[in-house]
PDB file of N, CA and C in Angstrom:
ATOM      1  N   MET A   1       1.068  -0.984  -0.014  1.00  0.00           N
ATOM      2  CA  MET A   1       0.065  -0.064  -0.016  1.00  0.00           C
ATOM      3  C   MET A   1       0.656   1.092   0.044  1.00  0.00           C
ATOM      4  N   GLU A   2       0.769   2.418  -0.624  1.00  0.00           N
ATOM      5  CA  GLU A   2       1.432   3.348  -0.966  1.00  0.00           C
ATOM      6  C   GLU A   2       0.890   4.290   0.070  1.00  0.00           C
ATOM      7  N   SER A   3       1.857   5.118   0.688  1.00  0.00           N
ATOM      8  CA  SER A   3       1.678   5.861   2.005  1.00  0.00           C
ATOM      9  C   SER A   3       1.583   7.249   1.241  1.00  0.00           C
ATOM     10  N   LYS A   4       0.705   7.849   2.116  1.00  0.00           N
ATOM     11  CA  LYS A   4      -0.061   9.290   1.347  1.00  0.00           C
ATOM     12  C   LYS A   4       1.499  10.366   1.889  1.00  0.00           C
ATOM     13  N   LYS A   5       1.512  11.220   0.797  1.00  0.00           N
ATOM     14  CA  LYS A   5       2.338  12.079   0.504  1.00  0.00           C
ATOM     15  C   LYS A   5       1.799  13.716   0.890  1.00  0.00           C
ATOM     16  N   TYR A   6       2.587  14.598   1.711  1.00  0.00           N
ATOM     17  CA  TYR A   6       2.250  15.868   1.685  1.00  0.00           C
ATOM     18  C   TYR A   6       1.558  16.546   0.505  1.00  0.00           C
ATOM     19  N   ARG A   7       0.750  17.425   0.585  1.00  0.00           N
ATOM     20  CA  ARG A   7      -0.022  18.265  -0.677  1.00  0.00           C
ATOM     21  C   ARG A   7       0.051  19.650  -0.074  1.00  0.00           C
ATOM     22  N   LEU A   8       0.600  20.583  -0.903  1.00  0.00           N
ATOM     23  CA  LEU A   8       0.184  21.935  -0.551  1.00  0.00           C
ATOM     24  C   LEU A   8      -0.372  22.578  -1.866  1.00  0.00           C
ATOM     25  N   GLN A   9      -1.388  23.056  -1.886  1.00  0.00           N
ATOM     26  CA  GLN A   9      -1.842  23.622  -3.022  1.00  0.00           C
ATOM     27  C   GLN A   9      -1.929  25.016  -2.422  1.00  0.00           C
ATOM     28  N   VAL A  10      -1.419  26.536  -3.478  1.00  0.00           N
ATOM     29  CA  VAL A  10      -1.611  27.540  -2.911  1.00  0.00           C
ATOM     30  C   VAL A  10      -2.124  28.484  -4.257  1.00  0.00           C
ATOM     31  N   TRP A  11      -3.088  29.442  -4.007  1.00  0.00           N
ATOM     32  CA  TRP A  11      -3.581  30.302  -4.835  1.00  0.00           C
ATOM     33  C   TRP A  11      -2.991  31.671  -4.672  1.00  0.00           C
ATOM     34  N   TYR A  12      -2.175  32.004  -5.611  1.00  0.00           N
ATOM     35  CA  TYR A  12      -1.936  33.479  -5.784  1.00  0.00           C
ATOM     36  C   TYR A  12      -2.269  34.384  -6.213  1.00  0.00           C
ATOM     37  N   GLU A  13      -2.536  35.278  -5.550  1.00  0.00           N
ATOM     38  CA  GLU A  13      -3.161  36.517  -6.337  1.00  0.00           C
ATOM     39  C   GLU A  13      -2.380  37.901  -6.667  1.00  0.00           C
ATOM     40  N   GLY A  14      -2.362  38.598  -7.491  1.00  0.00           N
ATOM     41  CA  GLY A  14      -1.808  39.798  -7.570  1.00  0.00           C
ATOM     42  C   GLY A  14      -1.571  39.988  -9.172  1.00  0.00           C
ATOM     43  N   ARG A  15      -0.098  40.348  -9.548  1.00  0.00           N
ATOM     44  CA  ARG A  15       0.276  40.595 -10.874  1.00  0.00           C
ATOM     45  C   ARG A  15       0.841  39.042 -11.367  1.00  0.00           C
ATOM     46  N   VAL A  16       0.156  37.954 -11.061  1.00  0.00           N
ATOM     47  CA  VAL A  16       1.192  36.943 -11.229  1.00  0.00           C
ATOM     48  C   VAL A  16       0.929  36.201 -12.633  1.00  0.00           C
ATOM     49  N   GLN A  17       0.002  36.679 -13.377  1.00  0.00           N
ATOM     50  CA  GLN A  17       0.116  36.004 -14.870  1.00  0.00           C
ATOM     51  C   GLN A  17       0.882  37.415 -15.997  1.00  0.00           C
ATOM     52  N   GLY A  18       1.374  36.517 -16.888  1.00  0.00           N
ATOM     53  CA  GLY A  18       2.060  37.294 -17.742  1.00  0.00           C
ATOM     54  C   GLY A  18       3.743  37.874 -17.456  1.00  0.00           C
ATOM     55  N   VAL A  19       4.210  37.443 -16.359  1.00  0.00           N
ATOM     56  CA  VAL A  19       5.427  37.884 -15.766  1.00  0.00           C
ATOM     57  C   VAL A  19       6.385  36.481 -15.714  1.00  0.00           C
ATOM     58  N   GLY A  20       6.048  35.415 -16.183  1.00  0.00           N
ATOM     59  CA  GLY A  20       6.882  34.108 -15.997  1.00  0.00           C
ATOM     60  C   GLY A  20       6.746  33.380 -14.245  1.00  0.00           C
ATOM     61  N   PHE A  21       5.750  33.549 -13.984  1.00  0.00           N
ATOM     62  CA  PHE A  21       5.535  32.953 -12.776  1.00  0.00           C
ATOM     63  C   PHE A  21       5.500  31.365 -12.549  1.00  0.00           C
ATOM     64  N   ARG A  22       4.886  31.104 -13.778  1.00  0.00           N
ATOM     65  CA  ARG A  22       4.646  29.763 -13.937  1.00  0.00           C
ATOM     66  C   ARG A  22       6.289  29.016 -14.122  1.00  0.00           C
ATOM     67  N   TYR A  23       6.812  29.398 -15.238  1.00  0.00           N
ATOM     68  CA  TYR A  23       8.140  28.875 -15.508  1.00  0.00           C
ATOM     69  C   TYR A  23       9.196  29.115 -14.729  1.00  0.00           C
ATOM     70  N   LYS A  24       9.092  30.091 -13.525  1.00  0.00           N
ATOM     71  CA  LYS A  24       9.867  30.489 -12.305  1.00  0.00           C
ATOM     72  C   LYS A  24       9.729  29.171 -11.665  1.00  0.00           C
ATOM     73  N   ALA A  25       8.204  28.662 -11.442  1.00  0.00           N
ATOM     74  CA  ALA A  25       8.041  27.649 -10.375  1.00  0.00           C
ATOM     75  C   ALA A  25       8.456  26.456 -10.928  1.00  0.00           C
ATOM     76  N   ARG A  26       8.143  26.080 -12.440  1.00  0.00           N
ATOM     77  CA  ARG A  26       8.693  24.915 -12.743  1.00  0.00           C
ATOM     78  C   ARG A  26      10.239  24.944 -12.683  1.00  0.00           C
ATOM     79  N   GLN A  27      10.966  25.818 -12.900  1.00  0.00           N
ATOM     80  CA  GLN A  27      12.357  26.100 -12.734  1.00  0.00           C
ATOM     81  C   GLN A  27      12.670  25.691 -11.343  1.00  0.00           C
ATOM     82  N   LEU A  28      12.079  26.534 -10.491  1.00  0.00           N
ATOM     83  CA  LEU A  28      12.420  26.068  -8.958  1.00  0.00           C
ATOM     84  C   LEU A  28      12.423  24.540  -8.505  1.00  0.00           C
ATOM     85  N   ALA A  29      11.062  24.176  -8.975  1.00  0.00           N
ATOM     86  CA  ALA A  29      10.829  22.747  -8.666  1.00  0.00           C
ATOM     87  C   ALA A  29      11.695  21.880  -8.985  1.00  0.00           C
ATOM     88  N   SER A  30      12.926  22.271  -9.997  1.00  0.00           N
ATOM     89  CA  SER A  30      13.853  21.165 -10.427  1.00  0.00           C
ATOM     90  C   SER A  30      14.890  21.132  -9.332  1.00  0.00           C
ATOM     91  N   GLY A  31      15.174  21.916  -8.280  1.00  0.00           N
ATOM     92  CA  GLY A  31      15.825  22.089  -7.284  1.00  0.00           C
ATOM     93  C   GLY A  31      15.288  21.131  -6.214  1.00  0.00           C
ATOM     94  N   TYR A  32      14.238  20.776  -6.003  1.00  0.00           N
ATOM     95  CA  TYR A  32      13.602  20.100  -4.980  1.00  0.00           C
ATOM     96  C   TYR A  32      12.818  18.643  -5.268  1.00  0.00           C
ATOM     97  N   GLU A  33      12.795  17.813  -4.198  1.00  0.00           N
ATOM     98  CA  GLU A  33      12.074  16.630  -4.590  1.00  0.00           C
ATOM     99  C   GLU A  33      10.575  16.975  -4.479  1.00  0.00           C
ATOM    100  N   VAL A  34       9.831  17.536  -5.329  1.00  0.00           N
ATOM    101  CA  VAL A  34       8.667  17.599  -5.357  1.00  0.00           C
ATOM    102  C   VAL A  34       8.163  17.433  -6.825  1.00  0.00           C
ATOM    103  N   SER A  35       6.792  17.336  -6.784  1.00  0.00           N
ATOM    104  CA  SER A  35       6.022  16.816  -7.948  1.00  0.00           C
ATOM    105  C   SER A  35       5.099  17.662  -7.790  1.00  0.00           C
ATOM    106  N   GLY A  36       4.158  18.050  -9.129  1.00  0.00           N
ATOM    107  CA  GLY A  36       2.761  18.562  -8.984  1.00  0.00           C
ATOM    108  C   GLY A  36       2.678  19.338 -10.415  1.00  0.00           C
ATOM    109  N   THR A  37       1.957  20.546 -10.309  1.00  0.00           N
ATOM    110  CA  THR A  37       1.230  21.391 -11.580  1.00  0.00           C
ATOM    111  C   THR A  37       1.381  22.980 -10.878  1.00  0.00           C
ATOM    112  N   VAL A  38       1.427  23.806 -12.129  1.00  0.00           N
ATOM    113  CA  VAL A  38       1.221  25.125 -11.739  1.00  0.00           C
ATOM    114  C   VAL A  38       0.249  25.537 -13.155  1.00  0.00           C
ATOM    115  N   ARG A  39      -0.752  26.532 -12.838  1.00  0.00           N
ATOM    116  CA  ARG A  39      -1.614  26.810 -13.943  1.00  0.00           C
ATOM    117  C   ARG A  39      -2.085  27.856 -13.724  1.00  0.00           C
ATOM    118  N   ASN A  40      -2.327  28.697 -14.679  1.00  0.00           N
ATOM    119  CA  ASN A  40      -3.077  30.128 -14.619  1.00  0.00           C
ATOM    120  C   ASN A  40      -4.470  29.616 -14.605  1.00  0.00           C
ATOM    121  N   LEU A  41      -5.323  30.811 -13.720  1.00  0.00           N
ATOM    122  CA  LEU A  41      -6.938  30.590 -13.622  1.00  0.00           C
ATOM    123  C   LEU A  41      -7.320  31.638 -14.409  1.00  0.00           C
ATOM    124  N   ASP A  42      -8.840  31.396 -14.899  1.00  0.00           N
ATOM    125  CA  ASP A  42      -9.428  32.334 -15.728  1.00  0.00           C
ATOM    126  C   ASP A  42      -9.641  33.984 -14.673  1.00  0.00           C
ATOM    127  N   ASP A  43      -9.832  33.731 -13.723  1.00  0.00           N
ATOM    128  CA  ASP A  43      -9.851  34.913 -12.745  1.00  0.00           C
ATOM    129  C   ASP A  43      -8.551  35.878 -12.416  1.00  0.00           C
ATOM    130  N   GLY A  44      -7.509  35.245 -13.217  1.00  0.00           N
ATOM    131  CA  GLY A  44      -6.072  36.060 -12.791  1.00  0.00           C
ATOM    132  C   GLY A  44      -5.074  35.626 -11.739  1.00  0.00           C
ATOM    133  N   ARG A  45      -5.912  34.432 -11.192  1.00  0.00           N
ATOM    134  CA  ARG A  45      -4.814  34.136 -10.172  1.00  0.00           C
ATOM    135  C   ARG A  45      -4.173  33.015 -10.414  1.00  0.00           C
ATOM    136  N   VAL A  46      -2.947  32.248  -9.952  1.00  0.00           N
ATOM    137  CA  VAL A  46      -1.843  31.168 -10.418  1.00  0.00           C
ATOM    138  C   VAL A  46      -2.554  29.918  -9.065  1.00  0.00           C
ATOM    139  N   HIS A  47      -2.674  28.682  -9.725  1.00  0.00           N
ATOM    140  CA  HIS A  47      -2.755  27.803  -8.694  1.00  0.00           C
ATOM    141  C   HIS A  47      -1.545  26.708  -8.736  1.00  0.00           C
ATOM    142  N   LEU A  48      -1.041  26.568  -7.682  1.00  0.00           N
ATOM    143  CA  LEU A  48      -0.016  25.735  -7.426  1.00  0.00           C
ATOM    144  C   LEU A  48      -0.576  24.323  -6.922  1.00  0.00           C
ATOM    145  N   VAL A  49       0.134  23.346  -7.116  1.00  0.00           N
ATOM    146  CA  VAL A  49      -0.125  21.705  -6.511  1.00  0.00           C
ATOM    147  C   VAL A  49       1.315  21.362  -6.356  1.00  0.00           C
ATOM    148  N   ALA A  50       1.788  21.053  -4.750  1.00  0.00           N
ATOM    149  CA  ALA A  50       3.227  20.590  -4.877  1.00  0.00           C
ATOM    150  C   ALA A  50       2.616  19.343  -3.974  1.00  0.00           C
ATOM    151  N   VAL A  51       3.368  18.359  -4.544  1.00  0.00           N
ATOM    152  CA  VAL A  51       3.512  16.876  -3.435  1.00  0.00           C
ATOM    153  C   VAL A  51       4.871  16.667  -3.253  1.00  0.00           C
ATOM    154  N   GLY A  52       5.072  15.689  -2.167  1.00  0.00           N
ATOM    155  CA  GLY A  52       6.326  15.292  -1.828  1.00  0.00           C
ATOM    156  C   GLY A  52       6.463  15.326  -0.307  1.00  0.00           C
ATOM    157  N   ASP A  53       7.932  15.188   0.229  1.00  0.00           N
ATOM    158  CA  ASP A  53       8.025  15.314   1.617  1.00  0.00           C
ATOM    159  C   ASP A  53       7.529  16.712   2.355  1.00  0.00           C
ATOM    160  N   LYS A  54       6.809  16.905   3.517  1.00  0.00           N
ATOM    161  CA  LYS A  54       6.456  18.181   3.711  1.00  0.00           C
ATOM    162  C   LYS A  54       7.865  19.354   4.043  1.00  0.00           C
ATOM    163  N   ASN A  55       8.640  19.006   4.521  1.00  0.00           N
ATOM    164  CA  ASN A  55       9.922  20.178   4.612  1.00  0.00           C
ATOM    165  C   ASN A  55      10.363  20.329   2.982  1.00  0.00           C
ATOM    166  N   GLU A  56      10.387  19.577   1.613  1.00  0.00           N
ATOM    167  CA  GLU A  56      10.930  19.817   0.583  1.00  0.00           C
ATOM    168  C   GLU A  56       9.679  20.965   0.078  1.00  0.00           C
ATOM    169  N   VAL A  57       8.389  20.399   0.456  1.00  0.00           N
ATOM    170  CA  VAL A  57       7.225  21.363  -0.701  1.00  0.00           C
ATOM    171  C   VAL A  57       7.361  22.656   0.095  1.00  0.00           C
ATOM    172  N   ARG A  58       7.630  22.549   1.575  1.00  0.00           N
ATOM    173  CA  ARG A  58       7.225  23.964   2.353  1.00  0.00           C
ATOM    174  C   ARG A  58       8.749  24.865   1.578  1.00  0.00           C
ATOM    175  N   ALA A  59       9.831  24.359   1.667  1.00  0.00           N
ATOM    176  CA  ALA A  59      10.691  25.017   1.520  1.00  0.00           C
ATOM    177  C   ALA A  59      10.917  25.501  -0.211  1.00  0.00           C
ATOM    178  N   PHE A  60      10.309  24.522  -0.914  1.00  0.00           N
ATOM    179  CA  PHE A  60      10.080  24.978  -2.338  1.00  0.00           C
ATOM    180  C   PHE A  60       9.113  26.378  -2.406  1.00  0.00           C
ATOM    181  N   ALA A  61       7.767  26.321  -1.677  1.00  0.00           N
ATOM    182  CA  ALA A  61       6.823  27.341  -1.781  1.00  0.00           C
ATOM    183  C   ALA A  61       7.443  28.435  -1.324  1.00  0.00           C
ATOM    184  N   ASP A  62       8.294  28.427  -0.109  1.00  0.00           N
ATOM    185  CA  ASP A  62       9.032  29.373   0.409  1.00  0.00           C
ATOM    186  C   ASP A  62       9.924  30.196  -0.555  1.00  0.00           C
ATOM    187  N   ASP A  63      10.437  29.433  -1.320  1.00  0.00           N
ATOM    188  CA  ASP A  63      11.619  29.672  -2.248  1.00  0.00           C
ATOM    189  C   ASP A  63      10.985  30.730  -3.467  1.00  0.00           C
ATOM    190  N   LEU A  64       9.667  30.143  -3.757  1.00  0.00           N
ATOM    191  CA  LEU A  64       8.873  30.816  -4.848  1.00  0.00           C
ATOM    192  C   LEU A  64       8.410  32.055  -4.359  1.00  0.00           C
ATOM    193  N   ALA A  65       8.002  32.124  -3.353  1.00  0.00           N
ATOM    194  CA  ALA A  65       7.017  33.191  -2.632  1.00  0.00           C
ATOM    195  C   ALA A  65       8.330  34.497  -2.610  1.00  0.00           C
ATOM    196  N   GLU A  66       9.511  34.100  -2.369  1.00  0.00           N
ATOM    197  CA  GLU A  66      10.407  34.964  -1.959  1.00  0.00           C
ATOM    198  C   GLU A  66      10.802  35.672  -3.495  1.00  0.00           C
ATOM    199  N   VAL A  67      10.920  34.643  -4.659  1.00  0.00           N
ATOM    200  CA  VAL A  67      11.552  35.081  -5.665  1.00  0.00           C
ATOM    201  C   VAL A  67      10.494  35.755  -6.314  1.00  0.00           C
ATOM    202  N   MET A  68       9.077  35.626  -6.055  1.00  0.00           N
ATOM    203  CA  MET A  68       8.355  36.268  -6.814  1.00  0.00           C
ATOM    204  C   MET A  68       7.505  36.998  -6.274  1.00  0.00           C
ATOM    205  N   GLY A  69       8.004  37.603  -5.102  1.00  0.00           N
ATOM    206  CA  GLY A  69       7.152  38.287  -4.061  1.00  0.00           C
ATOM    207  C   GLY A  69       6.858  39.432  -4.358  1.00  0.00           C
ATOM    208  N   ASP A  70       7.520  40.105  -5.353  1.00  0.00           N
ATOM    209  CA  ASP A  70       7.088  41.788  -5.794  1.00  0.00           C
ATOM    210  C   ASP A  70       5.920  41.412  -6.593  1.00  0.00           C
ATOM    211  N   PHE A  71       5.293  40.293  -7.395  1.00  0.00           N
ATOM    212  CA  PHE A  71       4.309  40.159  -8.332  1.00  0.00           C
ATOM    213  C   PHE A  71       3.076  39.450  -7.233  1.00  0.00           C
ATOM    214  N   ILE A  72       3.334  39.133  -6.060  1.00  0.00           N
ATOM    215  CA  ILE A  72       2.315  38.416  -5.096  1.00  0.00           C
ATOM    216  C   ILE A  72       1.444  39.219  -4.284  1.00  0.00           C
ATOM    217  N   ARG A  73       0.094  39.542  -4.295  1.00  0.00           N
ATOM    218  CA  ARG A  73      -0.446  40.278  -3.237  1.00  0.00           C
ATOM    219  C   ARG A  73      -1.321  39.457  -2.113  1.00  0.00           C
ATOM    220  N   GLN A  74      -1.521  38.520  -2.761  1.00  0.00           N
ATOM    221  CA  GLN A  74      -2.033  37.873  -1.506  1.00  0.00           C
ATOM    222  C   GLN A  74      -2.384  36.170  -2.049  1.00  0.00           C
ATOM    223  N   THR A  75      -2.303  35.395  -0.928  1.00  0.00           N
ATOM    224  CA  THR A  75      -1.967  33.540  -0.804  1.00  0.00           C
ATOM    225  C   THR A  75      -3.138  33.329  -0.288  1.00  0.00           C
ATOM    226  N   GLN A  76      -3.723  31.993  -0.640  1.00  0.00           N
ATOM    227  CA  GLN A  76      -4.505  31.117   0.040  1.00  0.00           C
ATOM    228  C   GLN A  76      -3.915  29.809   0.101  1.00  0.00           C
ATOM    229  N   GLU A  77      -3.721  29.205   1.160  1.00  0.00           N
ATOM    230  CA  GLU A  77      -3.164  27.674   1.095  1.00  0.00           C
ATOM    231  C   GLU A  77      -4.065  26.610   1.759  1.00  0.00           C
ATOM    232  N   HIS A  78      -3.936  25.716   1.448  1.00  0.00           N
ATOM    233  CA  HIS A  78      -4.455  24.491   1.851  1.00  0.00           C
ATOM    234  C   HIS A  78      -3.631  23.018   1.712  1.00  0.00           C
ATOM    235  N   GLU A  79      -3.388  22.763   2.830  1.00  0.00           N
ATOM    236  CA  GLU A  79      -2.601  21.216   2.956  1.00  0.00           C
ATOM    237  C   GLU A  79      -3.333  20.365   3.420  1.00  0.00           C
ATOM    238  N   ASP A  80      -2.922  18.994   3.000  1.00  0.00           N
ATOM    239  CA  ASP A  80      -3.288  17.810   3.125  1.00  0.00           C
ATOM    240  C   ASP A  80      -2.503  17.047   2.995  1.00  0.00           C
ATOM    241  N   PHE A  81      -2.975  15.486   2.657  1.00  0.00           N
ATOM    242  CA  PHE A  81      -2.238  14.344   2.505  1.00  0.00           C
ATOM    243  C   PHE A  81      -2.895  13.660   1.259  1.00  0.00           C
ATOM    244  N   THR A  82      -2.081  13.107   0.247  1.00  0.00           N
ATOM    245  CA  THR A  82      -3.007  12.592  -0.771  1.00  0.00           C
ATOM    246  C   THR A  82      -1.903  11.147  -1.397  1.00  0.00           C
ATOM    247  N   ASN A  83      -2.859  10.190  -2.004  1.00  0.00           N
ATOM    248  CA  ASN A  83      -1.994   9.337  -2.979  1.00  0.00           C
ATOM    249  C   ASN A  83      -1.908   9.497  -4.094  1.00  0.00           C
ATOM    250  N   LEU A  84      -2.335  10.728  -4.759  1.00  0.00           N
ATOM    251  CA  LEU A  84      -2.365  11.232  -6.021  1.00  0.00           C
ATOM    252  C   LEU A  84      -0.765  11.618  -6.159  1.00  0.00           C
ATOM    253  N   THR A  85      -0.311  11.129  -7.399  1.00  0.00           N
ATOM    254  CA  THR A  85       1.117  11.187  -7.397  1.00  0.00           C
ATOM    255  C   THR A  85       1.268  11.886  -8.924  1.00  0.00           C
ATOM    256  N   TYR A  86       2.302  12.512  -9.047  1.00  0.00           N
ATOM    257  CA  TYR A  86       2.566  13.079 -10.398  1.00  0.00           C
ATOM    258  C   TYR A  86       3.888  12.799 -10.860  1.00  0.00           C
ATOM    259  N   ARG A  87       3.940  12.522 -12.281  1.00  0.00           N
ATOM    260  CA  ARG A  87       5.447  12.180 -12.986  1.00  0.00           C
ATOM    261  C   ARG A  87       6.686  13.051 -12.405  1.00  0.00           C
ATOM    262  N   ASP A  88       6.186  14.912 -12.613  1.00  0.00           N
ATOM    263  CA  ASP A  88       7.092  15.580 -12.037  1.00  0.00           C
ATOM    264  C   ASP A  88       6.432  16.808 -11.828  1.00  0.00           C
ATOM    265  N   PHE A  89       7.293  17.845 -12.278  1.00  0.00           N
ATOM    266  CA  PHE A  89       6.500  19.143 -11.781  1.00  0.00           C
ATOM    267  C   PHE A  89       6.244  19.889 -13.214  1.00  0.00           C
ATOM    268  N   SER A  90       5.082  20.315 -13.601  1.00  0.00           N
ATOM    269  CA  SER A  90       4.748  20.521 -14.834  1.00  0.00           C
ATOM    270  C   SER A  90       3.855  22.132 -15.002  1.00  0.00           C
ATOM    271  N   ILE A  91       3.649  22.481 -15.863  1.00  0.00           N
ATOM    272  CA  ILE A  91       3.056  23.578 -16.187  1.00  0.00           C
ATOM    273  C   ILE A  91       1.595  23.308 -17.068  1.00  0.00           C
ATOM    274  N   GLU A  92       0.361  23.354 -16.181  1.00  0.00           N
ATOM    275  CA  GLU A  92      -0.855  23.211 -17.030  1.00  0.00           C
ATOM    276  C   GLU A  92      -1.142  24.331 -17.992  1.00  0.00           C
ATOM    277  N   LEU A  93      -1.409  23.926 -18.965  1.00  0.00           N
ATOM    278  CA  LEU A  93      -2.153  25.112 -19.914  1.00  0.00           C
ATOM    279  C   LEU A  93      -3.371  24.761 -19.981  1.00  0.00           C
TER     280      LEU A  93
END
């Protein structure tokens, strides 16, 4: 039986579309043991899903928030555990 992994979902608000946010997220994710997705939402927000060890996921999210902080006005987070797996970290179109 597969063990559940930590999952963090973050919704970013601000000037987060059209500034390379998703590409920076994918680039930063390559330096961490995380998988998941990032995508633009129709309402102007960006939605991130990151799965892995809690410390790795949180470090990745903190790094992204620091690097892209000038564009983020507000975030909403939801954390839980899941059996859902991703092959890698990708941009959803």
